[in-house]
Amino acid sequence: MVIEFEEVYEVKCATTGLPFDKHHSIKEFASRNIYINPEYVVCVRDDPKISTLIKESNSSIRSENFTRVYMHRGQTGIDVIVSGDPTMVEQKLRGGKELLKG
């Protein structure tokens, strides 16, 4: 079973071209639907840095919280940034079921 999320990704990065600000870059972000198999998710973590970058970029993305989802991929891993807070992402990955503690 795979679950649909809204992935946020960087489209391009351009420099400002200002002579005193050579290293400042403007990042642009976009979103797309992705499908994640919960069996391969290793960790979900809040990503406040991407929230700041998206706000500074004047992107059309309207989510306030973003979560980095780490997935196992054989010898390596992959991580994606999805819209929503970690609690919402984790609940969606579990299918709304709560784990029993004890």
PDB file of N, CA and C in Angstrom:
ATOM      1  N   MET A   1       0.844  -1.178   0.000  1.00  0.00           N
ATOM      2  CA  MET A   1       0.000   0.000   0.000  1.00  0.00           C
ATOM      3  C   MET A   1       0.893   1.246   0.000  1.00  0.00           C
ATOM      4  N   VAL A   2       0.584   2.212  -0.840  1.00  0.00           N
ATOM      5  CA  VAL A   2       1.315   3.474  -0.871  1.00  0.00           C
ATOM      6  C   VAL A   2       0.376   4.608  -0.468  1.00  0.00           C
ATOM      7  N   ILE A   3       0.963   5.661   0.082  1.00  0.00           N
ATOM      8  CA  ILE A   3       0.176   6.785   0.573  1.00  0.00           C
ATOM      9  C   ILE A   3       0.620   8.056  -0.146  1.00  0.00           C
ATOM     10  N   GLU A   4      -0.363   8.860  -0.536  1.00  0.00           N
ATOM     11  CA  GLU A   4      -0.078  10.088  -1.283  1.00  0.00           C
ATOM     12  C   GLU A   4       0.275  11.231  -0.338  1.00  0.00           C
ATOM     13  N   PHE A   5       1.334  11.979  -0.703  1.00  0.00           N
ATOM     14  CA  PHE A   5       1.763  13.175   0.009  1.00  0.00           C
ATOM     15  C   PHE A   5       2.057  14.272  -1.000  1.00  0.00           C
ATOM     16  N   GLU A   6       2.145  15.484  -0.502  1.00  0.00           N
ATOM     17  CA  GLU A   6       2.568  16.611  -1.337  1.00  0.00           C
ATOM     18  C   GLU A   6       4.041  16.883  -1.044  1.00  0.00           C
ATOM     19  N   GLU A   7       4.903  16.591  -2.013  1.00  0.00           N
ATOM     20  CA  GLU A   7       6.341  16.811  -1.865  1.00  0.00           C
ATOM     21  C   GLU A   7       6.685  18.248  -2.238  1.00  0.00           C
ATOM     22  N   VAL A   8       7.606  18.829  -1.502  1.00  0.00           N
ATOM     23  CA  VAL A   8       8.124  20.161  -1.803  1.00  0.00           C
ATOM     24  C   VAL A   8       9.558  19.975  -2.270  1.00  0.00           C
ATOM     25  N   TYR A   9       9.896  20.573  -3.415  1.00  0.00           N
ATOM     26  CA  TYR A   9      11.246  20.418  -3.952  1.00  0.00           C
ATOM     27  C   TYR A   9      11.744  21.739  -4.519  1.00  0.00           C
ATOM     28  N   GLU A  10      13.050  21.858  -4.596  1.00  0.00           N
ATOM     29  CA  GLU A  10      13.672  23.074  -5.108  1.00  0.00           C
ATOM     30  C   GLU A  10      13.701  23.021  -6.629  1.00  0.00           C
ATOM     31  N   VAL A  11      13.188  24.075  -7.264  1.00  0.00           N
ATOM     32  CA  VAL A  11      13.132  24.125  -8.718  1.00  0.00           C
ATOM     33  C   VAL A  11      14.451  24.614  -9.280  1.00  0.00           C
ATOM     34  N   LYS A  12      14.898  25.773  -8.816  1.00  0.00           N
ATOM     35  CA  LYS A  12      16.171  26.301  -9.294  1.00  0.00           C
ATOM     36  C   LYS A  12      16.706  27.290  -8.278  1.00  0.00           C
ATOM     37  N   CYS A  13      17.952  27.595  -8.446  1.00  0.00           N
ATOM     38  CA  CYS A  13      18.614  28.519  -7.538  1.00  0.00           C
ATOM     39  C   CYS A  13      19.369  29.521  -8.404  1.00  0.00           C
ATOM     40  N   ALA A  14      19.047  30.808  -8.272  1.00  0.00           N
ATOM     41  CA  ALA A  14      19.701  31.845  -9.056  1.00  0.00           C
ATOM     42  C   ALA A  14      20.343  32.853  -8.116  1.00  0.00           C
ATOM     43  N   THR A  15      21.448  33.434  -8.561  1.00  0.00           N
ATOM     44  CA  THR A  15      22.084  34.459  -7.743  1.00  0.00           C
ATOM     45  C   THR A  15      21.411  35.798  -8.001  1.00  0.00           C
ATOM     46  N   THR A  16      21.528  36.697  -7.042  1.00  0.00           N
ATOM     47  CA  THR A  16      20.870  37.998  -7.145  1.00  0.00           C
ATOM     48  C   THR A  16      21.572  38.911  -8.139  1.00  0.00           C
ATOM     49  N   GLY A  17      22.874  38.710  -8.353  1.00  0.00           N
ATOM     50  CA  GLY A  17      23.605  39.545  -9.288  1.00  0.00           C
ATOM     51  C   GLY A  17      24.047  40.872  -8.710  1.00  0.00           C
ATOM     52  N   LEU A  18      23.793  41.097  -7.438  1.00  0.00           N
ATOM     53  CA  LEU A  18      24.217  42.335  -6.811  1.00  0.00           C
ATOM     54  C   LEU A  18      25.709  42.263  -6.509  1.00  0.00           C
ATOM     55  N   PRO A  19      26.465  43.332  -6.781  1.00  0.00           N
ATOM     56  CA  PRO A  19      27.916  43.272  -6.612  1.00  0.00           C
ATOM     57  C   PRO A  19      28.365  43.024  -5.175  1.00  0.00           C
ATOM     58  N   PHE A  20      27.622  43.485  -4.185  1.00  0.00           N
ATOM     59  CA  PHE A  20      28.033  43.307  -2.797  1.00  0.00           C
ATOM     60  C   PHE A  20      27.428  42.062  -2.167  1.00  0.00           C
ATOM     61  N   ASP A  21      26.658  41.341  -2.920  1.00  0.00           N
ATOM     62  CA  ASP A  21      25.936  40.193  -2.383  1.00  0.00           C
ATOM     63  C   ASP A  21      26.111  38.985  -3.300  1.00  0.00           C
ATOM     64  N   LYS A  22      27.354  38.693  -3.679  1.00  0.00           N
ATOM     65  CA  LYS A  22      27.628  37.665  -4.680  1.00  0.00           C
ATOM     66  C   LYS A  22      27.178  36.263  -4.283  1.00  0.00           C
ATOM     67  N   HIS A  23      27.195  35.986  -2.999  1.00  0.00           N
ATOM     68  CA  HIS A  23      26.883  34.627  -2.573  1.00  0.00           C
ATOM     69  C   HIS A  23      25.426  34.438  -2.164  1.00  0.00           C
ATOM     70  N   HIS A  24      24.626  35.474  -2.232  1.00  0.00           N
ATOM     71  CA  HIS A  24      23.213  35.339  -1.871  1.00  0.00           C
ATOM     72  C   HIS A  24      22.462  34.735  -3.049  1.00  0.00           C
ATOM     73  N   SER A  25      21.676  33.738  -2.778  1.00  0.00           N
ATOM     74  CA  SER A  25      20.925  33.100  -3.846  1.00  0.00           C
ATOM     75  C   SER A  25      19.439  33.120  -3.537  1.00  0.00           C
ATOM     76  N   ILE A  26      18.660  33.075  -4.597  1.00  0.00           N
ATOM     77  CA  ILE A  26      17.209  33.041  -4.469  1.00  0.00           C
ATOM     78  C   ILE A  26      16.758  31.642  -4.877  1.00  0.00           C
ATOM     79  N   LYS A  27      16.114  30.953  -3.959  1.00  0.00           N
ATOM     80  CA  LYS A  27      15.652  29.598  -4.244  1.00  0.00           C
ATOM     81  C   LYS A  27      14.174  29.637  -4.589  1.00  0.00           C
ATOM     82  N   GLU A  28      13.793  28.799  -5.530  1.00  0.00           N
ATOM     83  CA  GLU A  28      12.393  28.663  -5.899  1.00  0.00           C
ATOM     84  C   GLU A  28      11.946  27.244  -5.597  1.00  0.00           C
ATOM     85  N   PHE A  29      10.731  27.132  -5.077  1.00  0.00           N
ATOM     86  CA  PHE A  29      10.201  25.829  -4.692  1.00  0.00           C
ATOM     87  C   PHE A  29       8.885  25.563  -5.405  1.00  0.00           C
ATOM     88  N   ALA A  30       8.609  24.288  -5.608  1.00  0.00           N
ATOM     89  CA  ALA A  30       7.342  23.863  -6.205  1.00  0.00           C
ATOM     90  C   ALA A  30       6.884  22.618  -5.444  1.00  0.00           C
ATOM     91  N   SER A  31       5.690  22.181  -5.737  1.00  0.00           N
ATOM     92  CA  SER A  31       5.181  20.969  -5.085  1.00  0.00           C
ATOM     93  C   SER A  31       4.607  20.021  -6.125  1.00  0.00           C
ATOM     94  N   ARG A  32       4.588  18.765  -5.755  1.00  0.00           N
ATOM     95  CA  ARG A  32       4.020  17.721  -6.619  1.00  0.00           C
ATOM     96  C   ARG A  32       3.560  16.579  -5.735  1.00  0.00           C
ATOM     97  N   ASN A  33       2.685  15.765  -6.255  1.00  0.00           N
ATOM     98  CA  ASN A  33       2.206  14.593  -5.512  1.00  0.00           C
ATOM     99  C   ASN A  33       3.225  13.470  -5.637  1.00  0.00           C
ATOM    100  N   ILE A  34       3.492  12.813  -4.511  1.00  0.00           N
ATOM    101  CA  ILE A  34       4.332  11.621  -4.517  1.00  0.00           C
ATOM    102  C   ILE A  34       3.618  10.537  -3.714  1.00  0.00           C
ATOM    103  N   TYR A  35       4.065   9.319  -3.901  1.00  0.00           N
ATOM    104  CA  TYR A  35       3.462   8.182  -3.219  1.00  0.00           C
ATOM    105  C   TYR A  35       4.556   7.447  -2.464  1.00  0.00           C
ATOM    106  N   ILE A  36       4.341   7.256  -1.158  1.00  0.00           N
ATOM    107  CA  ILE A  36       5.344   6.658  -0.286  1.00  0.00           C
ATOM    108  C   ILE A  36       4.818   5.336   0.258  1.00  0.00           C
ATOM    109  N   ASN A  37       5.672   4.320   0.208  1.00  0.00           N
ATOM    110  CA  ASN A  37       5.362   3.039   0.822  1.00  0.00           C
ATOM    111  C   ASN A  37       5.803   3.130   2.287  1.00  0.00           C
ATOM    112  N   PRO A  38       4.879   3.084   3.250  1.00  0.00           N
ATOM    113  CA  PRO A  38       5.224   3.248   4.661  1.00  0.00           C
ATOM    114  C   PRO A  38       6.210   2.208   5.189  1.00  0.00           C
ATOM    115  N   GLU A  39       6.306   1.053   4.540  1.00  0.00           N
ATOM    116  CA  GLU A  39       7.219   0.012   5.001  1.00  0.00           C
ATOM    117  C   GLU A  39       8.682   0.422   4.872  1.00  0.00           C
ATOM    118  N   TYR A  40       8.975   1.420   4.043  1.00  0.00           N
ATOM    119  CA  TYR A  40      10.358   1.844   3.828  1.00  0.00           C
ATOM    120  C   TYR A  40      10.723   3.116   4.584  1.00  0.00           C
ATOM    121  N   VAL A  41       9.794   3.670   5.347  1.00  0.00           N
ATOM    122  CA  VAL A  41      10.061   4.897   6.096  1.00  0.00           C
ATOM    123  C   VAL A  41      10.851   4.548   7.356  1.00  0.00           C
ATOM    124  N   VAL A  42      11.968   5.239   7.534  1.00  0.00           N
ATOM    125  CA  VAL A  42      12.837   5.004   8.675  1.00  0.00           C
ATOM    126  C   VAL A  42      12.598   6.050   9.758  1.00  0.00           C
ATOM    127  N   CYS A  43      12.361   7.303   9.347  1.00  0.00           N
ATOM    128  CA  CYS A  43      12.264   8.395  10.307  1.00  0.00           C
ATOM    129  C   CYS A  43      11.496   9.548   9.682  1.00  0.00           C
ATOM    130  N   VAL A  44      10.743  10.272  10.501  1.00  0.00           N
ATOM    131  CA  VAL A  44      10.126  11.531  10.080  1.00  0.00           C
ATOM    132  C   VAL A  44      10.588  12.604  11.055  1.00  0.00           C
ATOM    133  N   ARG A  45      10.931  13.772  10.507  1.00  0.00           N
ATOM    134  CA  ARG A  45      11.479  14.833  11.345  1.00  0.00           C
ATOM    135  C   ARG A  45      10.980  16.188  10.856  1.00  0.00           C
ATOM    136  N   ASP A  46      10.639  17.053  11.802  1.00  0.00           N
ATOM    137  CA  ASP A  46      10.242  18.427  11.498  1.00  0.00           C
ATOM    138  C   ASP A  46      11.392  19.130  10.781  1.00  0.00           C
ATOM    139  N   ASP A  47      11.074  19.974   9.786  1.00  0.00           N
ATOM    140  CA  ASP A  47      12.107  20.691   9.034  1.00  0.00           C
ATOM    141  C   ASP A  47      11.793  22.183   9.012  1.00  0.00           C
ATOM    142  N   PRO A  48      12.092  22.903  10.109  1.00  0.00           N
ATOM    143  CA  PRO A  48      11.772  24.334  10.162  1.00  0.00           C
ATOM    144  C   PRO A  48      12.608  25.172   9.201  1.00  0.00           C
ATOM    145  N   LYS A  49      13.793  24.693   8.835  1.00  0.00           N
ATOM    146  CA  LYS A  49      14.658  25.453   7.922  1.00  0.00           C
ATOM    147  C   LYS A  49      13.990  25.625   6.555  1.00  0.00           C
ATOM    148  N   ILE A  50      13.363  24.565   6.062  1.00  0.00           N
ATOM    149  CA  ILE A  50      12.710  24.658   4.753  1.00  0.00           C
ATOM    150  C   ILE A  50      11.519  25.608   4.812  1.00  0.00           C
ATOM    151  N   SER A  51      10.845  25.680   5.955  1.00  0.00           N
ATOM    152  CA  SER A  51       9.734  26.630   6.113  1.00  0.00           C
ATOM    153  C   SER A  51      10.225  28.057   5.906  1.00  0.00           C
ATOM    154  N   THR A  52      11.355  28.385   6.505  1.00  0.00           N
ATOM    155  CA  THR A  52      11.936  29.716   6.364  1.00  0.00           C
ATOM    156  C   THR A  52      12.328  29.981   4.923  1.00  0.00           C
ATOM    157  N   LEU A  53      12.977  29.021   4.277  1.00  0.00           N
ATOM    158  CA  LEU A  53      13.394  29.198   2.886  1.00  0.00           C
ATOM    159  C   LEU A  53      12.207  29.411   1.958  1.00  0.00           C
ATOM    160  N   ILE A  54      11.128  28.675   2.186  1.00  0.00           N
ATOM    161  CA  ILE A  54       9.945  28.813   1.333  1.00  0.00           C
ATOM    162  C   ILE A  54       9.287  30.168   1.548  1.00  0.00           C
ATOM    163  N   LYS A  55       9.220  30.625   2.794  1.00  0.00           N
ATOM    164  CA  LYS A  55       8.644  31.950   3.058  1.00  0.00           C
ATOM    165  C   LYS A  55       9.463  33.047   2.395  1.00  0.00           C
ATOM    166  N   GLU A  56      10.778  32.927   2.416  1.00  0.00           N
ATOM    167  CA  GLU A  56      11.658  33.926   1.797  1.00  0.00           C
ATOM    168  C   GLU A  56      11.575  33.902   0.275  1.00  0.00           C
ATOM    169  N   SER A  57      11.198  32.769  -0.295  1.00  0.00           N
ATOM    170  CA  SER A  57      11.173  32.637  -1.750  1.00  0.00           C
ATOM    171  C   SER A  57       9.887  33.167  -2.382  1.00  0.00           C
ATOM    172  N   ASN A  58       8.914  33.555  -1.583  1.00  0.00           N
ATOM    173  CA  ASN A  58       7.614  33.999  -2.088  1.00  0.00           C
ATOM    174  C   ASN A  58       6.959  32.930  -2.962  1.00  0.00           C
ATOM    175  N   SER A  59       7.107  31.693  -2.554  1.00  0.00           N
ATOM    176  CA  SER A  59       6.549  30.569  -3.283  1.00  0.00           C
ATOM    177  C   SER A  59       5.029  30.524  -3.113  1.00  0.00           C
ATOM    178  N   SER A  60       4.374  29.822  -3.997  1.00  0.00           N
ATOM    179  CA  SER A  60       2.917  29.669  -3.908  1.00  0.00           C
ATOM    180  C   SER A  60       2.526  28.556  -2.932  1.00  0.00           C
ATOM    181  N   ILE A  61       3.490  27.896  -2.339  1.00  0.00           N
ATOM    182  CA  ILE A  61       3.222  26.828  -1.377  1.00  0.00           C
ATOM    183  C   ILE A  61       2.713  27.453  -0.093  1.00  0.00           C
ATOM    184  N   ARG A  62       1.578  26.986   0.403  1.00  0.00           N
ATOM    185  CA  ARG A  62       0.905  27.639   1.527  1.00  0.00           C
ATOM    186  C   ARG A  62       1.000  26.902   2.852  1.00  0.00           C
ATOM    187  N   SER A  63       1.631  25.762   2.884  1.00  0.00           N
ATOM    188  CA  SER A  63       1.722  25.012   4.142  1.00  0.00           C
ATOM    189  C   SER A  63       2.635  25.736   5.123  1.00  0.00           C
ATOM    190  N   GLU A  64       2.339  25.627   6.403  1.00  0.00           N
ATOM    191  CA  GLU A  64       3.147  26.259   7.449  1.00  0.00           C
ATOM    192  C   GLU A  64       4.221  25.311   7.962  1.00  0.00           C
ATOM    193  N   ASN A  65       3.940  24.017   7.945  1.00  0.00           N
ATOM    194  CA  ASN A  65       4.867  23.025   8.491  1.00  0.00           C
ATOM    195  C   ASN A  65       5.310  22.058   7.407  1.00  0.00           C
ATOM    196  N   PHE A  66       6.563  21.630   7.533  1.00  0.00           N
ATOM    197  CA  PHE A  66       7.113  20.679   6.575  1.00  0.00           C
ATOM    198  C   PHE A  66       7.861  19.599   7.331  1.00  0.00           C
ATOM    199  N   THR A  67       7.800  18.391   6.804  1.00  0.00           N
ATOM    200  CA  THR A  67       8.414  17.237   7.438  1.00  0.00           C
ATOM    201  C   THR A  67       9.357  16.563   6.455  1.00  0.00           C
ATOM    202  N   ARG A  68      10.538  16.234   6.944  1.00  0.00           N
ATOM    203  CA  ARG A  68      11.492  15.479   6.137  1.00  0.00           C
ATOM    204  C   ARG A  68      11.260  14.002   6.449  1.00  0.00           C
ATOM    205  N   VAL A  69      11.010  13.214   5.409  1.00  0.00           N
ATOM    206  CA  VAL A  69      10.750  11.782   5.548  1.00  0.00           C
ATOM    207  C   VAL A  69      11.973  11.034   5.010  1.00  0.00           C
ATOM    208  N   TYR A  70      12.589  10.242   5.883  1.00  0.00           N
ATOM    209  CA  TYR A  70      13.766   9.451   5.510  1.00  0.00           C
ATOM    210  C   TYR A  70      13.318   8.038   5.192  1.00  0.00           C
ATOM    211  N   MET A  71      13.783   7.519   4.041  1.00  0.00           N
ATOM    212  CA  MET A  71      13.376   6.179   3.616  1.00  0.00           C
ATOM    213  C   MET A  71      14.591   5.315   3.317  1.00  0.00           C
ATOM    214  N   HIS A  72      14.461   4.046   3.612  1.00  0.00           N
ATOM    215  CA  HIS A  72      15.498   3.055   3.343  1.00  0.00           C
ATOM    216  C   HIS A  72      15.439   2.707   1.861  1.00  0.00           C
ATOM    217  N   ARG A  73      16.622   2.615   1.237  1.00  0.00           N
ATOM    218  CA  ARG A  73      16.675   2.286  -0.193  1.00  0.00           C
ATOM    219  C   ARG A  73      17.880   1.384  -0.470  1.00  0.00           C
ATOM    220  N   GLY A  74      17.845   0.182   0.058  1.00  0.00           N
ATOM    221  CA  GLY A  74      18.961  -0.739  -0.137  1.00  0.00           C
ATOM    222  C   GLY A  74      20.181  -0.297   0.656  1.00  0.00           C
ATOM    223  N   GLN A  75      21.292  -0.097  -0.025  1.00  0.00           N
ATOM    224  CA  GLN A  75      22.533   0.316   0.620  1.00  0.00           C
ATOM    225  C   GLN A  75      22.503   1.770   1.072  1.00  0.00           C
ATOM    226  N   THR A  76      21.652   2.569   0.482  1.00  0.00           N
ATOM    227  CA  THR A  76      21.592   3.996   0.795  1.00  0.00           C
ATOM    228  C   THR A  76      20.191   4.369   1.245  1.00  0.00           C
ATOM    229  N   GLY A  77      19.974   5.635   1.430  1.00  0.00           N
ATOM    230  CA  GLY A  77      18.651   6.128   1.794  1.00  0.00           C
ATOM    231  C   GLY A  77      18.286   7.311   0.927  1.00  0.00           C
ATOM    232  N   ILE A  78      17.084   7.732   1.068  1.00  0.00           N
ATOM    233  CA  ILE A  78      16.600   8.900   0.346  1.00  0.00           C
ATOM    234  C   ILE A  78      15.712   9.677   1.301  1.00  0.00           C
ATOM    235  N   ASP A  79      15.714  10.988   1.169  1.00  0.00           N
ATOM    236  CA  ASP A  79      14.804  11.769   2.002  1.00  0.00           C
ATOM    237  C   ASP A  79      14.045  12.746   1.118  1.00  0.00           C
ATOM    238  N   VAL A  80      12.792  12.966   1.484  1.00  0.00           N
ATOM    239  CA  VAL A  80      11.928  13.895   0.766  1.00  0.00           C
ATOM    240  C   VAL A  80      11.271  14.814   1.787  1.00  0.00           C
ATOM    241  N   ILE A  81      10.916  15.990   1.337  1.00  0.00           N
ATOM    242  CA  ILE A  81      10.229  16.952   2.195  1.00  0.00           C
ATOM    243  C   ILE A  81       8.773  16.971   1.776  1.00  0.00           C
ATOM    244  N   VAL A  82       7.885  16.784   2.749  1.00  0.00           N
ATOM    245  CA  VAL A  82       6.450  16.778   2.458  1.00  0.00           C
ATOM    246  C   VAL A  82       5.753  17.846   3.288  1.00  0.00           C
ATOM    247  N   SER A  83       4.614  18.302   2.807  1.00  0.00           N
ATOM    248  CA  SER A  83       3.812  19.291   3.528  1.00  0.00           C
ATOM    249  C   SER A  83       3.138  18.637   4.717  1.00  0.00           C
ATOM    250  N   GLY A  84       3.112  19.362   5.832  1.00  0.00           N
ATOM    251  CA  GLY A  84       2.446  18.880   7.038  1.00  0.00           C
ATOM    252  C   GLY A  84       3.424  18.697   8.180  1.00  0.00           C
ATOM    253  N   ASP A  85       2.875  18.676   9.385  1.00  0.00           N
ATOM    254  CA  ASP A  85       3.724  18.491  10.561  1.00  0.00           C
ATOM    255  C   ASP A  85       4.003  16.996  10.750  1.00  0.00           C
ATOM    256  N   PRO A  86       5.058  16.652  11.496  1.00  0.00           N
ATOM    257  CA  PRO A  86       5.426  15.241  11.671  1.00  0.00           C
ATOM    258  C   PRO A  86       4.317  14.364  12.243  1.00  0.00           C
ATOM    259  N   THR A  87       3.516  14.903  13.145  1.00  0.00           N
ATOM    260  CA  THR A  87       2.432  14.111  13.734  1.00  0.00           C
ATOM    261  C   THR A  87       1.417  13.712  12.672  1.00  0.00           C
ATOM    262  N   MET A  88       1.041  14.658  11.810  1.00  0.00           N
ATOM    263  CA  MET A  88       0.078  14.374  10.748  1.00  0.00           C
ATOM    264  C   MET A  88       0.659  13.368   9.756  1.00  0.00           C
ATOM    265  N   VAL A  89       1.927  13.543   9.408  1.00  0.00           N
ATOM    266  CA  VAL A  89       2.578  12.626   8.463  1.00  0.00           C
ATOM    267  C   VAL A  89       2.643  11.225   9.056  1.00  0.00           C
ATOM    268  N   GLU A  90       3.029  11.125  10.316  1.00  0.00           N
ATOM    269  CA  GLU A  90       3.142   9.829  10.977  1.00  0.00           C
ATOM    270  C   GLU A  90       1.781   9.136  11.052  1.00  0.00           C
ATOM    271  N   GLN A  91       0.732   9.881  11.374  1.00  0.00           N
ATOM    272  CA  GLN A  91      -0.611   9.295  11.429  1.00  0.00           C
ATOM    273  C   GLN A  91      -1.063   8.817  10.051  1.00  0.00           C
ATOM    274  N   LYS A  92      -0.742   9.592   9.041  1.00  0.00           N
ATOM    275  CA  LYS A  92      -1.117   9.210   7.680  1.00  0.00           C
ATOM    276  C   LYS A  92      -0.364   7.948   7.248  1.00  0.00           C
ATOM    277  N   LEU A  93       0.905   7.844   7.650  1.00  0.00           N
ATOM    278  CA  LEU A  93       1.692   6.652   7.308  1.00  0.00           C
ATOM    279  C   LEU A  93       1.159   5.401   8.004  1.00  0.00           C
ATOM    280  N   ARG A  94       0.620   5.559   9.214  1.00  0.00           N
ATOM    281  CA  ARG A  94       0.053   4.433   9.964  1.00  0.00           C
ATOM    282  C   ARG A  94      -1.372   4.133   9.542  1.00  0.00           C
ATOM    283  N   GLY A  95      -1.940   4.941   8.703  1.00  0.00           N
ATOM    284  CA  GLY A  95      -3.325   4.733   8.284  1.00  0.00           C
ATOM    285  C   GLY A  95      -4.321   5.132   9.323  1.00  0.00           C
ATOM    286  N   GLY A  96      -3.928   6.064  10.214  1.00  0.00           N
ATOM    287  CA  GLY A  96      -4.830   6.538  11.252  1.00  0.00           C
ATOM    288  C   GLY A  96      -4.918   5.648  12.471  1.00  0.00           C
ATOM    289  N   LYS A  97      -4.208   4.507  12.445  1.00  0.00           N
ATOM    290  CA  LYS A  97      -4.241   3.584  13.588  1.00  0.00           C
ATOM    291  C   LYS A  97      -3.249   4.039  14.653  1.00  0.00           C
ATOM    292  N   GLU A  98      -3.604   3.863  15.896  1.00  0.00           N
ATOM    293  CA  GLU A  98      -2.706   4.207  16.996  1.00  0.00           C
ATOM    294  C   GLU A  98      -2.005   2.946  17.479  1.00  0.00           C
ATOM    295  N   LEU A  99      -0.727   3.106  17.798  1.00  0.00           N
ATOM    296  CA  LEU A  99       0.032   1.991  18.336  1.00  0.00           C
ATOM    297  C   LEU A  99      -0.242   1.889  19.831  1.00  0.00           C
ATOM    298  N   LEU A 100      -0.303   0.674  20.311  1.00  0.00           N
ATOM    299  CA  LEU A 100      -0.516   0.451  21.742  1.00  0.00           C
ATOM    300  C   LEU A 100       0.818   0.580  22.468  1.00  0.00           C
ATOM    301  N   LYS A 101       0.797   1.275  23.581  1.00  0.00           N
ATOM    302  CA  LYS A 101       2.013   1.410  24.390  1.00  0.00           C
ATOM    303  C   LYS A 101       1.911   0.463  25.572  1.00  0.00           C
ATOM    304  N   GLY A 102       3.030  -0.160  25.914  1.00  0.00           N
ATOM    305  CA  GLY A 102       2.992  -0.995  27.095  1.00  0.00           C
ATOM    306  C   GLY A 102       3.648  -2.287  26.988  1.00  0.00           C
TER     307      GLY A 102
END
